[in-house]
């Protein structure tokens, strides 16, 4: 993924959190890979895995204030998270009438959210209560080392764009309707279709990321698209289940199979059109 050195970065869209160690954590009652199996890319209903709103003191800071232009990414690689977030929100600000900007909050270990207190074991997630995307960047090491993805900037950007896809579904009311439908699972469940819609929205952004001359993303290469698709496959329910347990249980799927996730990311990218992301009609 190539960055535009002259692009202005808005560091206020990315914050970091510290503290919050006093909270009670309830993320499925298990840890490590099992949590990844259950909750990787958690987004549609964080309250199912997040609990304990009594968090300890927590501070939110603008740790990315030094990220002012695209050129700063060369000196400080952390600035790429600002570039991803800015580009994603800039696109949706023009593509969606009434888009409401939010923030990406980077944390380490645990964080207090509007949906409860979460640990990094949950993986990246979107909380519809406070409308914030949460990310422990250590997940990207897990994506490559534990889940076998090739990784790279485009893979990271896909992860964040997926969570912002949930923000779009929240703003359109789709997320709320899925939550009200109950905790259904399986390859054709509303929950899976919601996750696939977020994958499609991520693909749409990827297709449009470099079209605005003000965007910090200067170019998206064929290798970038391949890495994003590879990341989508790596977090398919079937891939994760087989790696963790040696078996596949389709009826317990919450995010979709590797092929489903790649298909909808590709649909979004090849069309570049959010209207093509109606996974519920497919």
C-alpha atoms as a PDB file:
ATOM      1  CA  UNK A   1       0.000   0.000   0.000  1.00  0.00           C
ATOM      2  CA  UNK A   2       1.474   3.309  -1.072  1.00  0.00           C
ATOM      3  CA  UNK A   3       0.984   6.506   0.900  1.00  0.00           C
ATOM      4  CA  UNK A   4       0.667  10.066  -0.361  1.00  0.00           C
ATOM      5  CA  UNK A   5       3.372  12.099   1.367  1.00  0.00           C
ATOM      6  CA  UNK A   6       1.573  15.406   0.866  1.00  0.00           C
ATOM      7  CA  UNK A   7      -1.732  14.254   2.398  1.00  0.00           C
ATOM      8  CA  UNK A   8      -2.777  15.871   5.662  1.00  0.00           C
ATOM      9  CA  UNK A   9      -3.483  13.455   8.515  1.00  0.00           C
ATOM     10  CA  UNK A  10      -6.136  14.106  11.162  1.00  0.00           C
ATOM     11  CA  UNK A  11      -4.697  12.478  14.279  1.00  0.00           C
ATOM     12  CA  UNK A  12      -7.825  13.314  16.318  1.00  0.00           C
ATOM     13  CA  UNK A  13      -9.553  10.350  14.672  1.00  0.00           C
ATOM     14  CA  UNK A  14      -7.218   7.898  16.443  1.00  0.00           C
ATOM     15  CA  UNK A  15      -6.789   7.855  20.219  1.00  0.00           C
ATOM     16  CA  UNK A  16      -5.039   5.559  22.663  1.00  0.00           C
ATOM     17  CA  UNK A  17      -6.234   4.323  26.028  1.00  0.00           C
ATOM     18  CA  UNK A  18      -4.351   3.361  29.158  1.00  0.00           C
ATOM     19  CA  UNK A  19      -5.529   2.211  32.544  1.00  0.00           C
ATOM     20  CA  UNK A  20      -8.877   0.552  33.158  1.00  0.00           C
ATOM     21  CA  UNK A  21      -7.268  -2.343  35.005  1.00  0.00           C
ATOM     22  CA  UNK A  22      -9.853  -2.496  37.753  1.00  0.00           C
ATOM     23  CA  UNK A  23     -12.684  -3.853  35.691  1.00  0.00           C
ATOM     24  CA  UNK A  24     -14.281  -7.307  35.787  1.00  0.00           C
ATOM     25  CA  UNK A  25     -13.666  -9.152  32.532  1.00  0.00           C
ATOM     26  CA  UNK A  26     -16.027 -11.702  31.018  1.00  0.00           C
ATOM     27  CA  UNK A  27     -15.119 -12.745  27.487  1.00  0.00           C
ATOM     28  CA  UNK A  28     -16.631 -16.163  27.158  1.00  0.00           C
ATOM     29  CA  UNK A  29     -14.807 -17.505  30.178  1.00  0.00           C
ATOM     30  CA  UNK A  30     -11.893 -18.815  28.129  1.00  0.00           C
ATOM     31  CA  UNK A  31      -8.684 -17.462  26.667  1.00  0.00           C
ATOM     32  CA  UNK A  32      -6.215 -17.611  23.820  1.00  0.00           C
ATOM     33  CA  UNK A  33      -7.167 -19.252  20.556  1.00  0.00           C
ATOM     34  CA  UNK A  34     -10.565 -20.400  21.801  1.00  0.00           C
ATOM     35  CA  UNK A  35     -11.623 -16.790  22.187  1.00  0.00           C
ATOM     36  CA  UNK A  36     -10.379 -16.116  18.682  1.00  0.00           C
ATOM     37  CA  UNK A  37     -12.539 -19.005  17.457  1.00  0.00           C
ATOM     38  CA  UNK A  38     -15.576 -17.491  19.135  1.00  0.00           C
ATOM     39  CA  UNK A  39     -14.984 -13.820  18.737  1.00  0.00           C
ATOM     40  CA  UNK A  40     -12.444 -12.771  16.130  1.00  0.00           C
ATOM     41  CA  UNK A  41     -13.673  -9.569  14.478  1.00  0.00           C
ATOM     42  CA  UNK A  42     -16.365  -9.196  17.121  1.00  0.00           C
ATOM     43  CA  UNK A  43     -18.694  -6.448  16.039  1.00  0.00           C
ATOM     44  CA  UNK A  44     -22.373  -7.240  15.780  1.00  0.00           C
ATOM     45  CA  UNK A  45     -23.168  -7.651  19.480  1.00  0.00           C
ATOM     46  CA  UNK A  46     -20.214  -7.042  21.802  1.00  0.00           C
ATOM     47  CA  UNK A  47     -22.456  -7.328  24.875  1.00  0.00           C
ATOM     48  CA  UNK A  48     -22.495 -11.079  24.314  1.00  0.00           C
ATOM     49  CA  UNK A  49     -18.800 -11.288  25.171  1.00  0.00           C
ATOM     50  CA  UNK A  50     -18.130  -8.039  27.036  1.00  0.00           C
ATOM     51  CA  UNK A  51     -19.120  -7.492  30.639  1.00  0.00           C
ATOM     52  CA  UNK A  52     -18.149  -5.629  33.753  1.00  0.00           C
ATOM     53  CA  UNK A  53     -18.672  -1.913  33.257  1.00  0.00           C
ATOM     54  CA  UNK A  54     -16.903  -1.102  36.538  1.00  0.00           C
ATOM     55  CA  UNK A  55     -13.523  -0.259  35.083  1.00  0.00           C
ATOM     56  CA  UNK A  56     -10.637   1.348  36.852  1.00  0.00           C
ATOM     57  CA  UNK A  57      -9.251   4.799  35.957  1.00  0.00           C
ATOM     58  CA  UNK A  58      -8.701   5.156  32.255  1.00  0.00           C
ATOM     59  CA  UNK A  59      -7.093   7.911  30.228  1.00  0.00           C
ATOM     60  CA  UNK A  60      -7.619   8.616  26.557  1.00  0.00           C
ATOM     61  CA  UNK A  61      -4.813  10.499  24.881  1.00  0.00           C
ATOM     62  CA  UNK A  62      -3.881  11.781  21.450  1.00  0.00           C
ATOM     63  CA  UNK A  63      -0.718   9.731  21.123  1.00  0.00           C
ATOM     64  CA  UNK A  64      -0.700  10.290  17.378  1.00  0.00           C
ATOM     65  CA  UNK A  65      -0.473  14.087  17.422  1.00  0.00           C
ATOM     66  CA  UNK A  66       2.882  13.931  15.616  1.00  0.00           C
ATOM     67  CA  UNK A  67       1.204  12.254  12.631  1.00  0.00           C
ATOM     68  CA  UNK A  68       0.534  15.314  10.472  1.00  0.00           C
ATOM     69  CA  UNK A  69       1.188  14.216   6.897  1.00  0.00           C
ATOM     70  CA  UNK A  70       1.529  11.031   4.917  1.00  0.00           C
ATOM     71  CA  UNK A  71       5.275  11.515   4.903  1.00  0.00           C
ATOM     72  CA  UNK A  72       5.313  10.997   8.678  1.00  0.00           C
ATOM     73  CA  UNK A  73       4.546   7.306   8.158  1.00  0.00           C
ATOM     74  CA  UNK A  74       8.131   6.838   6.980  1.00  0.00           C
ATOM     75  CA  UNK A  75       9.434   8.102  10.322  1.00  0.00           C
ATOM     76  CA  UNK A  76       6.726   6.653  12.549  1.00  0.00           C
ATOM     77  CA  UNK A  77       5.013   3.513  11.318  1.00  0.00           C
ATOM     78  CA  UNK A  78       2.230   3.952  13.880  1.00  0.00           C
ATOM     79  CA  UNK A  79       1.002   6.868  11.769  1.00  0.00           C
ATOM     80  CA  UNK A  80      -0.339   4.320   9.280  1.00  0.00           C
ATOM     81  CA  UNK A  81      -3.282   3.706  11.624  1.00  0.00           C
ATOM     82  CA  UNK A  82      -4.203   7.365  11.272  1.00  0.00           C
ATOM     83  CA  UNK A  83      -3.899   7.047   7.487  1.00  0.00           C
ATOM     84  CA  UNK A  84      -6.187   3.994   7.396  1.00  0.00           C
ATOM     85  CA  UNK A  85      -8.793   5.644   9.607  1.00  0.00           C
ATOM     86  CA  UNK A  86      -8.716   8.980   7.792  1.00  0.00           C
ATOM     87  CA  UNK A  87      -9.057   7.325   4.395  1.00  0.00           C
ATOM     88  CA  UNK A  88     -11.910   5.058   5.481  1.00  0.00           C
ATOM     89  CA  UNK A  89     -13.884   7.893   7.037  1.00  0.00           C
ATOM     90  CA  UNK A  90     -13.190  10.278   4.186  1.00  0.00           C
ATOM     91  CA  UNK A  91     -14.644   7.761   1.755  1.00  0.00           C
ATOM     92  CA  UNK A  92     -17.766   7.075   3.784  1.00  0.00           C
ATOM     93  CA  UNK A  93     -18.243  10.773   4.400  1.00  0.00           C
ATOM     94  CA  UNK A  94     -18.796  11.231   0.669  1.00  0.00           C
ATOM     95  CA  UNK A  95     -20.428   7.886  -0.114  1.00  0.00           C
ATOM     96  CA  UNK A  96     -23.055   7.902   2.629  1.00  0.00           C
ATOM     97  CA  UNK A  97     -25.499  10.714   3.260  1.00  0.00           C
ATOM     98  CA  UNK A  98     -25.580  11.508   6.962  1.00  0.00           C
ATOM     99  CA  UNK A  99     -22.353   9.688   7.781  1.00  0.00           C
ATOM    100  CA  UNK A 100     -21.300  10.341  11.379  1.00  0.00           C
ATOM    101  CA  UNK A 101     -17.521  10.282  11.962  1.00  0.00           C
ATOM    102  CA  UNK A 102     -16.155   8.351  14.912  1.00  0.00           C
ATOM    103  CA  UNK A 103     -12.743   7.271  16.191  1.00  0.00           C
ATOM    104  CA  UNK A 104     -10.398   4.321  16.298  1.00  0.00           C
ATOM    105  CA  UNK A 105      -9.205   3.670  19.834  1.00  0.00           C
ATOM    106  CA  UNK A 106      -5.920   1.803  20.219  1.00  0.00           C
ATOM    107  CA  UNK A 107      -5.464  -0.057  23.507  1.00  0.00           C
ATOM    108  CA  UNK A 108      -3.211  -2.624  25.122  1.00  0.00           C
ATOM    109  CA  UNK A 109      -4.397  -5.391  27.415  1.00  0.00           C
ATOM    110  CA  UNK A 110      -7.884  -4.196  28.289  1.00  0.00           C
ATOM    111  CA  UNK A 111     -10.174  -1.266  27.679  1.00  0.00           C
ATOM    112  CA  UNK A 112     -13.404   0.171  29.058  1.00  0.00           C
ATOM    113  CA  UNK A 113     -16.068   0.683  26.396  1.00  0.00           C
ATOM    114  CA  UNK A 114     -19.729   1.593  26.171  1.00  0.00           C
ATOM    115  CA  UNK A 115     -20.361  -2.137  25.746  1.00  0.00           C
ATOM    116  CA  UNK A 116     -18.379  -3.154  28.848  1.00  0.00           C
ATOM    117  CA  UNK A 117     -14.754  -3.923  29.613  1.00  0.00           C
ATOM    118  CA  UNK A 118     -12.860  -5.943  27.024  1.00  0.00           C
ATOM    119  CA  UNK A 119      -9.449  -7.572  26.823  1.00  0.00           C
ATOM    120  CA  UNK A 120      -7.254  -7.796  23.769  1.00  0.00           C
ATOM    121  CA  UNK A 121      -8.246 -11.481  23.512  1.00  0.00           C
ATOM    122  CA  UNK A 122     -11.545 -10.361  21.999  1.00  0.00           C
ATOM    123  CA  UNK A 123      -9.771  -9.078  18.897  1.00  0.00           C
ATOM    124  CA  UNK A 124     -10.707  -5.894  17.042  1.00  0.00           C
ATOM    125  CA  UNK A 125     -14.329  -4.891  17.590  1.00  0.00           C
ATOM    126  CA  UNK A 126     -16.900  -2.154  17.139  1.00  0.00           C
ATOM    127  CA  UNK A 127     -19.116  -1.058  20.018  1.00  0.00           C
ATOM    128  CA  UNK A 128     -22.498   0.218  18.767  1.00  0.00           C
ATOM    129  CA  UNK A 129     -23.190   1.949  22.092  1.00  0.00           C
ATOM    130  CA  UNK A 130     -20.340   4.467  21.924  1.00  0.00           C
ATOM    131  CA  UNK A 131     -19.802   3.956  18.164  1.00  0.00           C
ATOM    132  CA  UNK A 132     -16.047   3.485  18.504  1.00  0.00           C
ATOM    133  CA  UNK A 133     -13.745   1.003  16.764  1.00  0.00           C
ATOM    134  CA  UNK A 134     -11.402  -0.689  19.272  1.00  0.00           C
ATOM    135  CA  UNK A 135      -8.098  -2.251  18.352  1.00  0.00           C
ATOM    136  CA  UNK A 136      -5.163  -3.826  20.131  1.00  0.00           C
ATOM    137  CA  UNK A 137      -2.526  -3.722  17.407  1.00  0.00           C
ATOM    138  CA  UNK A 138      -1.015  -6.915  18.830  1.00  0.00           C
ATOM    139  CA  UNK A 139      -3.824  -8.667  16.956  1.00  0.00           C
ATOM    140  CA  UNK A 140      -1.899  -8.242  13.729  1.00  0.00           C
ATOM    141  CA  UNK A 141       0.865 -10.490  15.070  1.00  0.00           C
ATOM    142  CA  UNK A 142      -1.783 -13.056  15.933  1.00  0.00           C
ATOM    143  CA  UNK A 143      -3.246 -12.729  12.441  1.00  0.00           C
ATOM    144  CA  UNK A 144       0.042 -13.769  10.863  1.00  0.00           C
ATOM    145  CA  UNK A 145       1.625 -16.078  13.442  1.00  0.00           C
ATOM    146  CA  UNK A 146      -1.447 -17.876  14.724  1.00  0.00           C
ATOM    147  CA  UNK A 147      -3.953 -17.610  11.890  1.00  0.00           C
ATOM    148  CA  UNK A 148      -1.463 -17.886   9.026  1.00  0.00           C
ATOM    149  CA  UNK A 149      -2.257 -14.691   7.124  1.00  0.00           C
ATOM    150  CA  UNK A 150       0.448 -13.056   5.012  1.00  0.00           C
ATOM    151  CA  UNK A 151      -0.183  -9.732   6.743  1.00  0.00           C
ATOM    152  CA  UNK A 152       1.015  -6.358   5.532  1.00  0.00           C
ATOM    153  CA  UNK A 153      -0.492  -2.889   5.544  1.00  0.00           C
ATOM    154  CA  UNK A 154      -3.429  -3.809   3.310  1.00  0.00           C
ATOM    155  CA  UNK A 155      -4.357  -6.706   5.599  1.00  0.00           C
ATOM    156  CA  UNK A 156      -4.292  -4.354   8.594  1.00  0.00           C
ATOM    157  CA  UNK A 157      -6.349  -1.774   6.733  1.00  0.00           C
ATOM    158  CA  UNK A 158      -8.904  -4.461   5.837  1.00  0.00           C
ATOM    159  CA  UNK A 159      -9.331  -5.355   9.515  1.00  0.00           C
ATOM    160  CA  UNK A 160     -10.039  -1.746  10.465  1.00  0.00           C
ATOM    161  CA  UNK A 161     -12.244  -1.136   7.418  1.00  0.00           C
ATOM    162  CA  UNK A 162     -14.267  -4.208   8.393  1.00  0.00           C
ATOM    163  CA  UNK A 163     -14.978  -2.698  11.808  1.00  0.00           C
ATOM    164  CA  UNK A 164     -15.977   0.589  10.207  1.00  0.00           C
ATOM    165  CA  UNK A 165     -18.286  -1.504   8.056  1.00  0.00           C
ATOM    166  CA  UNK A 166     -20.133  -2.316  11.267  1.00  0.00           C
ATOM    167  CA  UNK A 167     -20.356   1.414  11.925  1.00  0.00           C
ATOM    168  CA  UNK A 168     -22.077   1.824   8.568  1.00  0.00           C
ATOM    169  CA  UNK A 169     -24.479  -1.021   9.362  1.00  0.00           C
ATOM    170  CA  UNK A 170     -25.164   0.641  12.700  1.00  0.00           C
ATOM    171  CA  UNK A 171     -25.950   3.994  11.082  1.00  0.00           C
ATOM    172  CA  UNK A 172     -28.296   2.366   8.548  1.00  0.00           C
ATOM    173  CA  UNK A 173     -30.151   0.461  11.281  1.00  0.00           C
ATOM    174  CA  UNK A 174     -29.192  -2.967   9.933  1.00  0.00           C
ATOM    175  CA  UNK A 175     -27.066  -3.817  12.961  1.00  0.00           C
ATOM    176  CA  UNK A 176     -29.929  -3.084  15.346  1.00  0.00           C
ATOM    177  CA  UNK A 177     -32.313  -5.303  13.390  1.00  0.00           C
ATOM    178  CA  UNK A 178     -29.822  -8.167  13.491  1.00  0.00           C
ATOM    179  CA  UNK A 179     -29.370  -7.773  17.237  1.00  0.00           C
ATOM    180  CA  UNK A 180     -33.119  -7.851  17.758  1.00  0.00           C
ATOM    181  CA  UNK A 181     -33.319 -11.066  15.744  1.00  0.00           C
ATOM    182  CA  UNK A 182     -31.413 -12.813  18.544  1.00  0.00           C
ATOM    183  CA  UNK A 183     -28.176 -14.718  18.798  1.00  0.00           C
ATOM    184  CA  UNK A 184     -28.556 -16.904  15.724  1.00  0.00           C
ATOM    185  CA  UNK A 185     -25.625 -18.733  14.176  1.00  0.00           C
ATOM    186  CA  UNK A 186     -24.919 -20.728  11.040  1.00  0.00           C
ATOM    187  CA  UNK A 187     -23.746 -19.942   7.490  1.00  0.00           C
ATOM    188  CA  UNK A 188     -27.045 -18.263   6.518  1.00  0.00           C
ATOM    189  CA  UNK A 189     -27.788 -16.580   9.838  1.00  0.00           C
ATOM    190  CA  UNK A 190     -28.387 -12.820  10.166  1.00  0.00           C
ATOM    191  CA  UNK A 191     -25.239 -12.600  12.287  1.00  0.00           C
ATOM    192  CA  UNK A 192     -23.058 -14.079   9.542  1.00  0.00           C
ATOM    193  CA  UNK A 193     -24.713 -11.900   6.900  1.00  0.00           C
ATOM    194  CA  UNK A 194     -23.928  -8.834   8.988  1.00  0.00           C
ATOM    195  CA  UNK A 195     -20.256  -9.808   9.166  1.00  0.00           C
ATOM    196  CA  UNK A 196     -20.141 -10.485   5.434  1.00  0.00           C
ATOM    197  CA  UNK A 197     -21.672  -7.074   4.813  1.00  0.00           C
ATOM    198  CA  UNK A 198     -18.814  -5.531   6.799  1.00  0.00           C
ATOM    199  CA  UNK A 199     -16.356  -7.476   4.624  1.00  0.00           C
ATOM    200  CA  UNK A 200     -18.070  -6.159   1.505  1.00  0.00           C
ATOM    201  CA  UNK A 201     -17.959  -2.587   2.806  1.00  0.00           C
ATOM    202  CA  UNK A 202     -14.235  -3.048   3.488  1.00  0.00           C
ATOM    203  CA  UNK A 203     -13.768  -4.116  -0.130  1.00  0.00           C
ATOM    204  CA  UNK A 204     -15.717  -1.096  -1.364  1.00  0.00           C
ATOM    205  CA  UNK A 205     -13.441   1.231   0.582  1.00  0.00           C
ATOM    206  CA  UNK A 206     -10.349  -0.555  -0.741  1.00  0.00           C
ATOM    207  CA  UNK A 207     -11.582   0.028  -4.295  1.00  0.00           C
ATOM    208  CA  UNK A 208     -12.012   3.746  -3.646  1.00  0.00           C
ATOM    209  CA  UNK A 209      -9.157   4.383  -1.201  1.00  0.00           C
ATOM    210  CA  UNK A 210      -6.799   6.083  -3.649  1.00  0.00           C
ATOM    211  CA  UNK A 211      -9.306   7.891  -5.889  1.00  0.00           C
ATOM    212  CA  UNK A 212      -9.460  11.076  -3.809  1.00  0.00           C
ATOM    213  CA  UNK A 213      -6.300  13.132  -4.351  1.00  0.00           C
ATOM    214  CA  UNK A 214      -6.525  14.234  -0.715  1.00  0.00           C
ATOM    215  CA  UNK A 215      -6.498  10.649   0.545  1.00  0.00           C
ATOM    216  CA  UNK A 216      -3.387   9.473   2.414  1.00  0.00           C
ATOM    217  CA  UNK A 217      -3.605   6.268   0.367  1.00  0.00           C
ATOM    218  CA  UNK A 218      -1.842   6.969  -2.931  1.00  0.00           C
ATOM    219  CA  UNK A 219      -2.233   3.551  -4.544  1.00  0.00           C
ATOM    220  CA  UNK A 220      -3.668   0.090  -3.895  1.00  0.00           C
ATOM    221  CA  UNK A 221      -1.755  -2.602  -5.751  1.00  0.00           C
ATOM    222  CA  UNK A 222      -2.743  -6.086  -6.858  1.00  0.00           C
ATOM    223  CA  UNK A 223      -0.588  -7.434  -4.032  1.00  0.00           C
ATOM    224  CA  UNK A 224      -2.535  -5.281  -1.554  1.00  0.00           C
ATOM    225  CA  UNK A 225      -5.828  -6.745  -2.746  1.00  0.00           C
ATOM    226  CA  UNK A 226      -4.394 -10.255  -2.520  1.00  0.00           C
ATOM    227  CA  UNK A 227      -3.211  -9.639   1.054  1.00  0.00           C
ATOM    228  CA  UNK A 228      -6.597  -8.267   2.091  1.00  0.00           C
ATOM    229  CA  UNK A 229      -8.350 -11.283   0.568  1.00  0.00           C
ATOM    230  CA  UNK A 230      -5.867 -13.589   2.280  1.00  0.00           C
ATOM    231  CA  UNK A 231      -6.626 -11.959   5.635  1.00  0.00           C
ATOM    232  CA  UNK A 232     -10.361 -12.396   5.020  1.00  0.00           C
ATOM    233  CA  UNK A 233      -9.848 -16.105   4.295  1.00  0.00           C
ATOM    234  CA  UNK A 234      -7.654 -16.518   7.376  1.00  0.00           C
ATOM    235  CA  UNK A 235     -10.430 -15.413   9.701  1.00  0.00           C
ATOM    236  CA  UNK A 236     -13.111 -17.628   8.183  1.00  0.00           C
ATOM    237  CA  UNK A 237     -15.005 -19.634  10.792  1.00  0.00           C
ATOM    238  CA  UNK A 238     -14.173 -22.935   9.123  1.00  0.00           C
ATOM    239  CA  UNK A 239     -10.449 -22.161   8.908  1.00  0.00           C
ATOM    240  CA  UNK A 240     -10.260 -21.114  12.553  1.00  0.00           C
ATOM    241  CA  UNK A 241     -12.371 -24.026  13.790  1.00  0.00           C
ATOM    242  CA  UNK A 242     -10.334 -26.607  11.917  1.00  0.00           C
ATOM    243  CA  UNK A 243      -7.075 -25.123  13.180  1.00  0.00           C
ATOM    244  CA  UNK A 244      -8.296 -24.969  16.773  1.00  0.00           C
ATOM    245  CA  UNK A 245     -10.297 -28.176  17.095  1.00  0.00           C
ATOM    246  CA  UNK A 246      -9.680 -30.256  13.960  1.00  0.00           C
ATOM    247  CA  UNK A 247     -13.347 -30.164  13.014  1.00  0.00           C
ATOM    248  CA  UNK A 248     -15.841 -27.807  11.390  1.00  0.00           C
ATOM    249  CA  UNK A 249     -19.248 -27.030  12.882  1.00  0.00           C
ATOM    250  CA  UNK A 250     -21.191 -24.996  10.320  1.00  0.00           C
ATOM    251  CA  UNK A 251     -24.125 -24.348  12.605  1.00  0.00           C
ATOM    252  CA  UNK A 252     -21.950 -22.494  15.117  1.00  0.00           C
ATOM    253  CA  UNK A 253     -20.545 -20.050  12.564  1.00  0.00           C
ATOM    254  CA  UNK A 254     -20.780 -16.390  13.529  1.00  0.00           C
ATOM    255  CA  UNK A 255     -18.689 -14.667  10.848  1.00  0.00           C
ATOM    256  CA  UNK A 256     -18.811 -16.840   7.745  1.00  0.00           C
ATOM    257  CA  UNK A 257     -16.522 -19.316   6.030  1.00  0.00           C
ATOM    258  CA  UNK A 258     -13.213 -18.449   4.416  1.00  0.00           C
ATOM    259  CA  UNK A 259     -14.815 -18.612   0.965  1.00  0.00           C
ATOM    260  CA  UNK A 260     -17.788 -16.482   2.022  1.00  0.00           C
ATOM    261  CA  UNK A 261     -15.565 -13.793   3.497  1.00  0.00           C
ATOM    262  CA  UNK A 262     -13.283 -13.668   0.471  1.00  0.00           C
ATOM    263  CA  UNK A 263     -16.294 -13.617  -1.867  1.00  0.00           C
ATOM    264  CA  UNK A 264     -17.892 -10.594  -0.231  1.00  0.00           C
ATOM    265  CA  UNK A 265     -14.651  -8.678   0.130  1.00  0.00           C
ATOM    266  CA  UNK A 266     -14.098  -9.293  -3.577  1.00  0.00           C
ATOM    267  CA  UNK A 267     -17.677  -8.261  -4.389  1.00  0.00           C
ATOM    268  CA  UNK A 268     -17.106  -4.963  -2.650  1.00  0.00           C
ATOM    269  CA  UNK A 269     -13.778  -4.375  -4.344  1.00  0.00           C
ATOM    270  CA  UNK A 270     -14.803  -5.291  -7.894  1.00  0.00           C
ATOM    271  CA  UNK A 271     -17.991  -3.222  -7.731  1.00  0.00           C
ATOM    272  CA  UNK A 272     -16.743  -0.325  -5.608  1.00  0.00           C
ATOM    273  CA  UNK A 273     -20.415   0.186  -4.784  1.00  0.00           C
ATOM    274  CA  UNK A 274     -21.934  -0.080  -1.266  1.00  0.00           C
ATOM    275  CA  UNK A 275     -25.314  -0.911  -2.854  1.00  0.00           C
ATOM    276  CA  UNK A 276     -23.841  -4.268  -3.899  1.00  0.00           C
ATOM    277  CA  UNK A 277     -23.311  -5.201  -0.239  1.00  0.00           C
ATOM    278  CA  UNK A 278     -26.846  -6.352   0.552  1.00  0.00           C
ATOM    279  CA  UNK A 279     -25.790  -9.730   1.903  1.00  0.00           C
ATOM    280  CA  UNK A 280     -29.247 -10.230   3.363  1.00  0.00           C
ATOM    281  CA  UNK A 281     -30.838 -10.359  -0.084  1.00  0.00           C
ATOM    282  CA  UNK A 282     -28.162 -12.627  -1.520  1.00  0.00           C
END
